[in-house]
């Protein structure tokens, strides 16, 4: 968990001695990291749950085109192994990026006006 290493030993047979671990985050370009930071940003004060930022919101905050953001998102989906269609992919990407440590909670940017 985080930087802590945990080893679990059970009384199962000798054939299953592997320690399960999560994948490390993929190599990210500086702009891919920027896209993830905006995508995963903290919710506004008082909000427990929120939708990840939209393509339009990311583009506006990074001062780039929506087409550029879509291209970065496609690369990020591939790097994190997230396949399929739909808006849910952004939420899956945000969760996977934080789970794998590509983006930490401390790195997340506040929304404009926060």
C-alpha atoms as a PDB file:
ATOM      1  CA  UNK A   1       0.000   0.000   0.000  1.00  0.00           C
ATOM      2  CA  UNK A   2       1.687   3.147  -1.150  1.00  0.00           C
ATOM      3  CA  UNK A   3       5.382   2.671  -0.481  1.00  0.00           C
ATOM      4  CA  UNK A   4       4.728  -0.085   2.089  1.00  0.00           C
ATOM      5  CA  UNK A   5       5.354  -3.693   1.110  1.00  0.00           C
ATOM      6  CA  UNK A   6       2.898  -6.232   2.476  1.00  0.00           C
ATOM      7  CA  UNK A   7       3.465  -9.976   2.290  1.00  0.00           C
ATOM      8  CA  UNK A   8       0.573 -12.324   2.963  1.00  0.00           C
ATOM      9  CA  UNK A   9       1.238 -15.957   3.770  1.00  0.00           C
ATOM     10  CA  UNK A  10      -1.539 -18.486   3.834  1.00  0.00           C
ATOM     11  CA  UNK A  11      -1.705 -22.166   4.588  1.00  0.00           C
ATOM     12  CA  UNK A  12      -2.529 -23.061   0.985  1.00  0.00           C
ATOM     13  CA  UNK A  13      -0.515 -25.589  -0.957  1.00  0.00           C
ATOM     14  CA  UNK A  14       3.049 -25.053  -2.141  1.00  0.00           C
ATOM     15  CA  UNK A  15       1.875 -24.518  -5.727  1.00  0.00           C
ATOM     16  CA  UNK A  16       0.586 -20.988  -5.039  1.00  0.00           C
ATOM     17  CA  UNK A  17       3.481 -18.986  -3.567  1.00  0.00           C
ATOM     18  CA  UNK A  18       3.188 -15.784  -5.565  1.00  0.00           C
ATOM     19  CA  UNK A  19       2.655 -12.403  -3.990  1.00  0.00           C
ATOM     20  CA  UNK A  20       0.034 -10.433  -5.892  1.00  0.00           C
ATOM     21  CA  UNK A  21       0.907  -6.826  -6.632  1.00  0.00           C
ATOM     22  CA  UNK A  22      -0.598  -4.017  -8.643  1.00  0.00           C
ATOM     23  CA  UNK A  23       0.931  -2.774 -11.848  1.00  0.00           C
ATOM     24  CA  UNK A  24       3.151   0.263 -11.763  1.00  0.00           C
ATOM     25  CA  UNK A  25       1.955   3.290 -13.707  1.00  0.00           C
ATOM     26  CA  UNK A  26       3.061   3.554 -17.324  1.00  0.00           C
ATOM     27  CA  UNK A  27       5.558   6.145 -18.520  1.00  0.00           C
ATOM     28  CA  UNK A  28       3.708   9.413 -19.087  1.00  0.00           C
ATOM     29  CA  UNK A  29       4.599  12.474 -21.101  1.00  0.00           C
ATOM     30  CA  UNK A  30       4.350  15.816 -19.291  1.00  0.00           C
ATOM     31  CA  UNK A  31       1.169  16.669 -21.238  1.00  0.00           C
ATOM     32  CA  UNK A  32      -0.416  13.267 -20.455  1.00  0.00           C
ATOM     33  CA  UNK A  33       0.272  13.968 -16.770  1.00  0.00           C
ATOM     34  CA  UNK A  34      -1.383  17.410 -17.144  1.00  0.00           C
ATOM     35  CA  UNK A  35      -4.463  15.782 -18.722  1.00  0.00           C
ATOM     36  CA  UNK A  36      -4.666  13.255 -15.869  1.00  0.00           C
ATOM     37  CA  UNK A  37      -4.333  15.965 -13.225  1.00  0.00           C
ATOM     38  CA  UNK A  38      -7.284  17.884 -14.638  1.00  0.00           C
ATOM     39  CA  UNK A  39      -9.270  14.690 -15.287  1.00  0.00           C
ATOM     40  CA  UNK A  40      -8.787  13.484 -11.695  1.00  0.00           C
ATOM     41  CA  UNK A  41      -8.992  16.818  -9.880  1.00  0.00           C
ATOM     42  CA  UNK A  42     -10.505  17.116  -6.432  1.00  0.00           C
ATOM     43  CA  UNK A  43     -14.249  17.619  -6.201  1.00  0.00           C
ATOM     44  CA  UNK A  44     -15.478  21.018  -5.121  1.00  0.00           C
ATOM     45  CA  UNK A  45     -15.855  21.600  -1.395  1.00  0.00           C
ATOM     46  CA  UNK A  46     -18.433  19.347   0.183  1.00  0.00           C
ATOM     47  CA  UNK A  47     -18.795  17.004  -2.794  1.00  0.00           C
ATOM     48  CA  UNK A  48     -18.000  13.367  -2.022  1.00  0.00           C
ATOM     49  CA  UNK A  49     -18.465  12.001  -5.542  1.00  0.00           C
ATOM     50  CA  UNK A  50     -18.019  13.665  -8.883  1.00  0.00           C
ATOM     51  CA  UNK A  51     -17.698  13.018 -12.579  1.00  0.00           C
ATOM     52  CA  UNK A  52     -14.219  13.331 -14.059  1.00  0.00           C
ATOM     53  CA  UNK A  53     -13.645  16.473 -16.088  1.00  0.00           C
ATOM     54  CA  UNK A  54     -15.058  16.423 -19.618  1.00  0.00           C
ATOM     55  CA  UNK A  55     -12.919  16.688 -22.732  1.00  0.00           C
ATOM     56  CA  UNK A  56     -14.146  20.262 -23.155  1.00  0.00           C
ATOM     57  CA  UNK A  57     -13.242  21.178 -19.543  1.00  0.00           C
ATOM     58  CA  UNK A  58      -9.769  19.655 -19.869  1.00  0.00           C
ATOM     59  CA  UNK A  59      -9.170  21.524 -23.145  1.00  0.00           C
ATOM     60  CA  UNK A  60     -10.282  24.833 -21.638  1.00  0.00           C
ATOM     61  CA  UNK A  61      -8.102  24.460 -18.542  1.00  0.00           C
ATOM     62  CA  UNK A  62      -5.016  23.411 -20.501  1.00  0.00           C
ATOM     63  CA  UNK A  63      -5.624  25.937 -23.315  1.00  0.00           C
ATOM     64  CA  UNK A  64      -5.508  23.276 -26.026  1.00  0.00           C
ATOM     65  CA  UNK A  65      -8.031  21.956 -28.543  1.00  0.00           C
ATOM     66  CA  UNK A  66     -10.552  19.255 -27.716  1.00  0.00           C
ATOM     67  CA  UNK A  67      -8.984  17.185 -30.516  1.00  0.00           C
ATOM     68  CA  UNK A  68      -5.618  17.332 -28.718  1.00  0.00           C
ATOM     69  CA  UNK A  69      -7.223  16.213 -25.442  1.00  0.00           C
ATOM     70  CA  UNK A  70      -9.025  13.351 -27.213  1.00  0.00           C
ATOM     71  CA  UNK A  71      -5.721  12.214 -28.728  1.00  0.00           C
ATOM     72  CA  UNK A  72      -4.058  12.239 -25.296  1.00  0.00           C
ATOM     73  CA  UNK A  73      -6.994  10.389 -23.743  1.00  0.00           C
ATOM     74  CA  UNK A  74      -6.811   7.685 -26.428  1.00  0.00           C
ATOM     75  CA  UNK A  75      -3.118   7.153 -25.642  1.00  0.00           C
ATOM     76  CA  UNK A  76      -3.844   7.098 -21.911  1.00  0.00           C
ATOM     77  CA  UNK A  77      -6.659   4.546 -22.318  1.00  0.00           C
ATOM     78  CA  UNK A  78      -4.218   2.321 -24.168  1.00  0.00           C
ATOM     79  CA  UNK A  79      -1.382   2.814 -21.643  1.00  0.00           C
ATOM     80  CA  UNK A  80      -3.679   1.941 -18.732  1.00  0.00           C
ATOM     81  CA  UNK A  81      -5.407  -0.945 -20.566  1.00  0.00           C
ATOM     82  CA  UNK A  82      -8.873   0.604 -20.577  1.00  0.00           C
ATOM     83  CA  UNK A  83     -10.868  -0.532 -23.589  1.00  0.00           C
ATOM     84  CA  UNK A  84     -14.439  -0.070 -24.741  1.00  0.00           C
ATOM     85  CA  UNK A  85     -16.584   2.925 -25.482  1.00  0.00           C
ATOM     86  CA  UNK A  86     -18.610   5.445 -23.541  1.00  0.00           C
ATOM     87  CA  UNK A  87     -18.277   8.180 -20.984  1.00  0.00           C
ATOM     88  CA  UNK A  88     -17.511   5.664 -18.237  1.00  0.00           C
ATOM     89  CA  UNK A  89     -14.006   5.271 -19.671  1.00  0.00           C
ATOM     90  CA  UNK A  90     -12.964   8.643 -18.247  1.00  0.00           C
ATOM     91  CA  UNK A  91     -13.999   7.515 -14.748  1.00  0.00           C
ATOM     92  CA  UNK A  92     -12.179   4.193 -15.204  1.00  0.00           C
ATOM     93  CA  UNK A  93      -9.053   6.035 -16.349  1.00  0.00           C
ATOM     94  CA  UNK A  94      -9.181   8.459 -13.428  1.00  0.00           C
ATOM     95  CA  UNK A  95      -9.572   5.634 -10.908  1.00  0.00           C
ATOM     96  CA  UNK A  96      -6.827   3.541 -12.487  1.00  0.00           C
ATOM     97  CA  UNK A  97      -4.413   6.491 -12.636  1.00  0.00           C
ATOM     98  CA  UNK A  98      -4.855   7.164  -8.917  1.00  0.00           C
ATOM     99  CA  UNK A  99      -4.867   3.455  -7.965  1.00  0.00           C
ATOM    100  CA  UNK A 100      -1.608   2.797  -9.781  1.00  0.00           C
ATOM    101  CA  UNK A 101       0.052   5.927  -8.419  1.00  0.00           C
ATOM    102  CA  UNK A 102       0.373   7.813 -11.710  1.00  0.00           C
ATOM    103  CA  UNK A 103      -1.400  10.709  -9.993  1.00  0.00           C
ATOM    104  CA  UNK A 104      -1.441  11.191  -6.248  1.00  0.00           C
ATOM    105  CA  UNK A 105      -4.152  12.980  -4.317  1.00  0.00           C
ATOM    106  CA  UNK A 106      -1.624  15.679  -3.383  1.00  0.00           C
ATOM    107  CA  UNK A 107      -0.956  16.425  -7.079  1.00  0.00           C
ATOM    108  CA  UNK A 108      -4.530  17.059  -8.075  1.00  0.00           C
ATOM    109  CA  UNK A 109      -5.332  20.571  -9.224  1.00  0.00           C
ATOM    110  CA  UNK A 110      -8.250  22.532  -7.862  1.00  0.00           C
ATOM    111  CA  UNK A 111     -11.016  23.464 -10.306  1.00  0.00           C
ATOM    112  CA  UNK A 112     -11.106  27.097 -11.450  1.00  0.00           C
ATOM    113  CA  UNK A 113     -12.583  29.361  -8.807  1.00  0.00           C
ATOM    114  CA  UNK A 114     -11.943  26.905  -5.968  1.00  0.00           C
END
